[in-house]
Protein backbone atom coordinates (compact mmCIF):
# COMPACT_ATOMS: atom_id res chain seq x y z
CA MET A 1 -9.32 -22.20 3.70
CA ALA A 2 -9.61 -23.15 0.06
CA GLN A 3 -7.33 -25.51 -1.78
CA ILE A 4 -6.40 -24.86 -5.39
CA THR A 5 -4.64 -27.28 -7.70
CA ILE A 6 -2.24 -25.98 -10.34
CA GLN A 7 -0.19 -27.84 -12.90
CA LEU A 8 3.54 -27.18 -13.03
CA GLU A 9 6.39 -28.71 -14.93
CA ASP A 10 8.05 -31.51 -12.98
CA SER A 11 11.45 -29.90 -13.46
CA LEU A 12 10.22 -26.69 -11.79
CA VAL A 13 8.88 -28.59 -8.79
CA GLU A 14 12.12 -30.56 -8.54
CA SER A 15 14.31 -27.47 -8.70
CA LEU A 16 12.31 -25.30 -6.30
CA GLY A 17 10.51 -27.81 -4.12
CA GLU A 18 6.86 -27.82 -3.14
CA GLY A 19 7.39 -25.76 -0.02
CA GLN A 20 9.17 -22.97 -1.89
CA ILE A 21 6.48 -22.92 -4.60
CA GLU A 22 3.74 -22.70 -1.98
CA GLN A 23 5.55 -19.83 -0.28
CA LEU A 24 6.07 -17.99 -3.57
CA VAL A 25 2.38 -18.29 -4.44
CA GLN A 26 1.37 -17.08 -0.96
CA ASP A 27 3.79 -14.14 -1.21
CA TRP A 28 2.43 -13.23 -4.63
CA LEU A 29 -1.16 -13.36 -3.38
CA GLN A 30 -0.31 -11.13 -0.40
CA GLN A 31 1.39 -8.67 -2.73
CA TYR A 32 -1.66 -8.73 -5.00
CA GLN A 33 -3.96 -8.04 -2.04
CA ARG A 34 -1.80 -5.08 -0.97
CA LYS A 35 -1.86 -3.66 -4.49
CA GLN A 36 -5.64 -4.02 -4.66
CA ALA A 37 -6.02 -2.29 -1.27
CA LEU A 38 -3.78 0.56 -2.44
CA LYS A 39 -5.74 0.87 -5.66
CA ASP A 40 -9.00 1.00 -3.74
CA ALA A 41 -7.58 3.65 -1.41
CA ALA A 42 -6.36 5.70 -4.37
CA ASP A 43 -9.79 5.46 -5.98
CA ASP A 44 -11.34 6.72 -2.73
CA LEU A 45 -9.05 9.76 -2.74
CA HIS A 46 -10.94 11.20 -5.69
CA SER A 47 -14.06 11.53 -3.55
CA ILE A 48 -12.33 13.23 -0.60
CA ASN A 49 -12.37 17.03 -0.52
CA LEU A 50 -9.98 18.14 2.21
CA THR A 51 -10.45 21.83 1.47
CA ASN A 52 -13.80 21.90 3.24
CA ASP A 53 -12.92 19.45 6.02
CA PRO A 54 -12.58 21.29 9.36
CA GLN A 55 -10.44 18.51 10.88
CA TRP A 56 -8.02 18.70 7.94
CA GLN A 57 -7.83 22.48 8.21
CA ALA A 58 -7.12 22.27 11.95
CA ALA A 59 -4.42 19.61 11.40
CA ARG A 60 -2.85 21.65 8.59
CA ASN A 61 -2.74 24.78 10.76
CA LEU A 62 -1.29 22.85 13.68
CA ALA A 63 1.41 21.36 11.44
CA TRP A 64 2.23 24.81 10.05
CA GLU A 65 2.58 26.27 13.55
CA GLU A 66 4.80 23.39 14.59
CA TYR A 67 7.11 23.40 11.54
CA LYS A 68 7.02 26.94 10.14
CA HIS A 69 10.40 27.67 11.69
CA ASN A 70 11.90 25.31 9.08
CA PHE A 71 10.76 27.68 6.32
CA GLU A 72 11.31 31.11 7.85
CA ASN A 73 14.95 31.29 6.73
CA ALA A 74 14.09 30.12 3.21
CA ALA A 75 11.67 33.03 2.70
CA GLN A 76 14.29 35.68 3.46
C-alpha cells in the first residue's frame, strides 16, 4: 500500500476529522476507479459486433421466445 501526503487547511481537518477525510478520499478513489472501468467497458463496446455473434443470436432468439407473449397484444 502506498502512502500519500496532502496539505489541507487546519480548519478543514478540525471540522471533519482525519478519519472522515481519509474515508472521503478512499470513497472518491473507488468512485474514480468505477468510472474508469465503465469508460473502458464503453470503449470496448465499439469493437464488439453482436450481429455476427452466434451466441448473441441464440440468446436473442431465446429471449424472444420467452417474452414474445408480452408483445403479442401490442401488435394487434
